[in-house]
Amino acid sequence: MKKIIITSMLSLVLGNNILYAGGDIAPVETTLSTESAPWYIGVGAVWAKLTGCNLEKCSYEDVTYGGMLRGGYDYNEYLGIEVRAMRTFLDKGPYGGTPLQHIGIFAKPQFKATEQINLYALLGYGYTENLGNEGRLTYFDAESGFSAGLGLEYKLLTLGDAKWSLFVDYQRLLIKANVADLDMVTFGVRYDF
């Protein structure tokens, strides 16, 4: 047994030396990646609309404006995860523009159409709160559930290392039968770390 182990060790050592003796094996080069890290943040301006039906009036539309903050991590070029927070505060519409607050976490399937254009979807869970029920039509107080959206990011290659992007997206804040339709369109800027 001892003889078999020694013979095996010698053949490995000698075989290794024979392989390198020709000198034709190229050394492995290590390079550091100059690509940006997969973490990003973004801010945007929001247009939000509630449409639906309630006891006082069977058809209504209420529009409000605000801001949104997003942050995420791209696992690879096809999938990421994103967290979003939105708050509306500027009023418009016949019912005074009910202020809304929304937070959600999303899987972000994505497709790089060109070097500059990234198309993506948002599929996840959101919580939306109606902050202005006093003296207004009551849509709902607070609800949570499935949320989804579609968007486009445009990388600004002219800004040096191309860490900046513009984005526009549409999101249905809550997809639920007993809640008014809550639609949001956002336009903003993204920064990659």
Protein backbone atom coordinates (compact mmCIF):
# COMPACT_ATOMS: atom_id res chain seq x y z
CA MET A 1 0.00 0.00 0.00
CA LYS A 2 2.85 2.30 0.94
CA LYS A 3 4.52 1.56 -2.40
CA ILE A 4 1.35 2.47 -4.36
CA ILE A 5 1.05 5.84 -2.58
CA ILE A 6 4.72 6.73 -3.20
CA THR A 7 4.45 5.69 -6.87
CA SER A 8 1.31 7.79 -7.31
CA MET A 9 2.95 10.85 -5.73
CA LEU A 10 6.07 10.53 -7.90
CA SER A 11 4.02 10.18 -11.09
CA LEU A 12 2.05 13.34 -10.23
CA VAL A 13 5.22 15.35 -9.55
CA LEU A 14 7.07 14.06 -12.64
CA GLY A 15 3.98 14.40 -14.84
CA ASN A 16 3.55 17.98 -13.71
CA ASN A 17 7.18 18.81 -14.54
CA ILE A 18 6.93 17.16 -17.95
CA LEU A 19 3.82 19.22 -18.80
CA TYR A 20 5.61 22.48 -18.00
CA ALA A 21 8.91 21.49 -19.63
CA GLY A 22 7.83 22.64 -23.09
CA GLY A 23 7.09 26.15 -21.87
CA ASP A 24 4.08 26.42 -24.17
CA ILE A 25 1.57 26.96 -21.39
CA ALA A 26 0.50 30.58 -21.24
CA PRO A 27 0.29 32.13 -17.78
CA VAL A 28 -3.17 33.03 -16.54
CA GLU A 29 -3.69 36.77 -16.54
CA THR A 30 -5.76 38.35 -13.81
CA THR A 31 -7.49 41.62 -14.52
CA LEU A 32 -9.57 43.85 -12.35
CA SER A 33 -13.04 44.69 -13.65
CA THR A 34 -13.62 48.34 -14.43
CA GLU A 35 -17.39 47.90 -14.59
CA SER A 36 -19.55 49.61 -11.99
CA ALA A 37 -20.85 47.65 -9.02
CA PRO A 38 -24.36 46.25 -9.32
CA TRP A 39 -25.82 48.61 -6.67
CA TYR A 40 -27.80 51.68 -7.77
CA ILE A 41 -30.10 54.42 -6.49
CA GLY A 42 -32.52 56.70 -8.29
CA VAL A 43 -34.92 59.58 -7.75
CA GLY A 44 -37.89 60.59 -9.85
CA ALA A 45 -40.95 62.79 -10.28
CA VAL A 46 -44.30 60.99 -10.01
CA TRP A 47 -47.71 61.41 -11.63
CA ALA A 48 -50.30 59.24 -9.88
CA LYS A 49 -53.96 58.66 -10.72
CA LEU A 50 -56.80 56.93 -8.88
CA THR A 51 -59.81 55.82 -10.93
CA GLY A 52 -62.79 53.83 -9.82
CA CYS A 53 -66.26 53.84 -8.36
CA ASN A 54 -67.67 54.44 -4.87
CA LEU A 55 -71.05 55.09 -3.21
CA GLU A 56 -71.07 58.88 -3.72
CA LYS A 57 -70.10 58.90 -7.37
CA CYS A 58 -69.78 55.84 -9.56
CA SER A 59 -66.99 57.15 -11.73
CA TYR A 60 -64.12 59.30 -10.53
CA GLU A 61 -60.56 60.19 -11.41
CA ASP A 62 -58.17 61.82 -8.99
CA VAL A 63 -54.66 62.97 -9.96
CA THR A 64 -51.75 63.93 -7.72
CA TYR A 65 -47.98 64.54 -8.11
CA GLY A 66 -44.97 63.73 -5.96
CA GLY A 67 -41.58 62.08 -5.75
CA MET A 68 -40.08 58.60 -5.69
CA LEU A 69 -36.87 57.05 -4.38
CA ARG A 70 -35.61 53.68 -5.66
CA GLY A 71 -32.64 51.50 -4.84
CA GLY A 72 -31.60 48.15 -6.18
CA TYR A 73 -29.11 45.43 -6.91
CA ASP A 74 -28.60 43.78 -10.31
CA TYR A 75 -27.70 40.10 -9.81
CA ASN A 76 -26.83 39.85 -13.49
CA GLU A 77 -27.87 41.45 -16.78
CA TYR A 78 -31.23 39.61 -16.70
CA LEU A 79 -32.42 39.90 -13.09
CA GLY A 80 -32.30 42.37 -10.24
CA ILE A 81 -34.15 43.31 -7.08
CA GLU A 82 -35.48 46.78 -6.33
CA VAL A 83 -37.07 48.64 -3.42
CA ARG A 84 -39.23 51.72 -4.08
CA ALA A 85 -40.81 54.40 -1.90
CA MET A 86 -43.22 57.03 -3.25
CA ARG A 87 -45.11 59.97 -1.76
CA THR A 88 -47.47 62.37 -3.53
CA PHE A 89 -48.10 65.85 -2.18
CA LEU A 90 -49.14 68.17 -5.05
CA ASP A 91 -52.88 68.19 -5.68
CA LYS A 92 -54.91 68.29 -8.85
CA GLY A 93 -58.32 67.00 -9.80
CA PRO A 94 -61.92 67.51 -8.75
CA TYR A 95 -61.40 65.80 -5.37
CA GLY A 96 -58.28 67.64 -4.30
CA GLY A 97 -55.66 65.07 -5.31
CA THR A 98 -55.63 62.52 -2.52
CA PRO A 99 -52.05 62.21 -1.24
CA LEU A 100 -50.68 58.68 -1.42
CA GLN A 101 -47.74 56.88 0.12
CA HIS A 102 -46.39 53.63 -1.34
CA ILE A 103 -43.52 51.28 -0.59
CA GLY A 104 -42.72 48.04 -2.39
CA ILE A 105 -40.13 45.37 -3.10
CA PHE A 106 -39.82 43.92 -6.60
CA ALA A 107 -38.11 41.28 -8.68
CA LYS A 108 -36.77 43.11 -11.74
CA PRO A 109 -36.48 40.94 -14.87
CA GLN A 110 -34.61 42.98 -17.50
CA PHE A 111 -33.37 42.89 -21.06
CA LYS A 112 -30.54 44.99 -22.51
CA ALA A 113 -31.93 46.00 -25.92
CA THR A 114 -28.81 48.02 -26.87
CA GLU A 115 -25.66 49.27 -25.14
CA GLN A 116 -27.68 52.23 -23.85
CA ILE A 117 -31.27 50.93 -23.49
CA ASN A 118 -32.41 48.55 -20.76
CA LEU A 119 -36.04 47.33 -20.69
CA TYR A 120 -37.40 45.99 -17.41
CA ALA A 121 -40.47 44.74 -15.56
CA LEU A 122 -41.35 45.08 -11.88
CA LEU A 123 -43.12 42.18 -10.15
CA GLY A 124 -43.58 42.29 -6.41
CA TYR A 125 -45.40 43.28 -3.28
CA GLY A 126 -46.50 46.79 -2.31
CA TYR A 127 -48.19 48.67 0.52
CA THR A 128 -50.16 51.80 -0.35
CA GLU A 129 -51.69 54.24 2.12
CA ASN A 130 -54.28 56.96 1.49
CA LEU A 131 -53.14 59.96 3.55
CA GLY A 132 -56.05 62.32 2.86
CA ASN A 133 -59.48 60.94 3.60
CA GLU A 134 -60.75 63.97 5.56
CA GLY A 135 -63.37 65.81 3.52
CA ARG A 136 -62.71 63.75 0.40
CA LEU A 137 -64.19 60.72 -1.23
CA THR A 138 -63.06 57.61 0.62
CA TYR A 139 -61.18 55.35 -1.75
CA PHE A 140 -59.48 53.17 0.88
CA ASP A 141 -57.33 53.71 3.97
CA ALA A 142 -54.40 51.33 3.44
CA GLU A 143 -53.97 48.19 1.38
CA SER A 144 -51.19 45.79 0.42
CA GLY A 145 -50.80 43.21 -2.30
CA PHE A 146 -49.38 42.41 -5.72
CA SER A 147 -47.84 45.32 -7.66
CA ALA A 148 -46.35 45.36 -11.16
CA GLY A 149 -44.88 47.70 -13.76
CA LEU A 150 -42.83 48.19 -16.93
CA GLY A 151 -39.98 50.59 -17.63
CA LEU A 152 -37.03 51.74 -19.71
CA GLU A 153 -33.59 53.00 -18.67
CA TYR A 154 -31.35 55.02 -21.01
CA LYS A 155 -27.64 55.05 -20.09
CA LEU A 156 -25.90 58.41 -20.62
CA LEU A 157 -22.63 57.28 -22.22
CA THR A 158 -21.46 60.85 -22.77
CA LEU A 159 -20.92 61.37 -19.02
CA GLY A 160 -17.47 59.81 -18.62
CA ASP A 161 -17.77 56.42 -16.94
CA ALA A 162 -21.51 56.07 -17.81
CA LYS A 163 -22.77 55.70 -14.26
CA TRP A 164 -25.83 57.88 -14.93
CA SER A 165 -29.09 56.80 -16.59
CA LEU A 166 -32.48 58.33 -17.25
CA PHE A 167 -35.55 56.18 -16.62
CA VAL A 168 -39.28 56.24 -17.24
CA ASP A 169 -41.72 53.63 -16.01
CA TYR A 170 -45.37 52.80 -15.40
CA GLN A 171 -46.53 50.94 -12.29
CA ARG A 172 -49.90 49.69 -11.03
CA LEU A 173 -49.46 50.24 -7.28
CA LEU A 174 -52.01 47.63 -6.21
CA ILE A 175 -53.63 44.96 -8.33
CA LYS A 176 -56.58 44.11 -6.15
CA ALA A 177 -60.33 43.83 -6.83
CA ASN A 178 -61.61 45.92 -3.90
CA VAL A 179 -59.23 48.88 -4.40
CA ALA A 180 -59.43 51.76 -6.88
CA ASP A 181 -57.05 51.57 -9.84
CA LEU A 182 -53.82 53.19 -8.67
CA ASP A 183 -51.55 54.03 -11.61
CA MET A 184 -48.18 55.78 -11.41
CA VAL A 185 -45.82 57.11 -14.08
CA THR A 186 -42.32 58.10 -13.00
CA PHE A 187 -39.52 59.94 -14.80
CA GLY A 188 -36.13 60.25 -13.12
CA VAL A 189 -32.40 59.65 -12.94
CA ARG A 190 -30.41 56.61 -11.77
CA TYR A 191 -26.82 56.43 -10.48
CA ASP A 192 -24.77 53.18 -10.50
CA PHE A 193 -22.12 52.75 -7.82
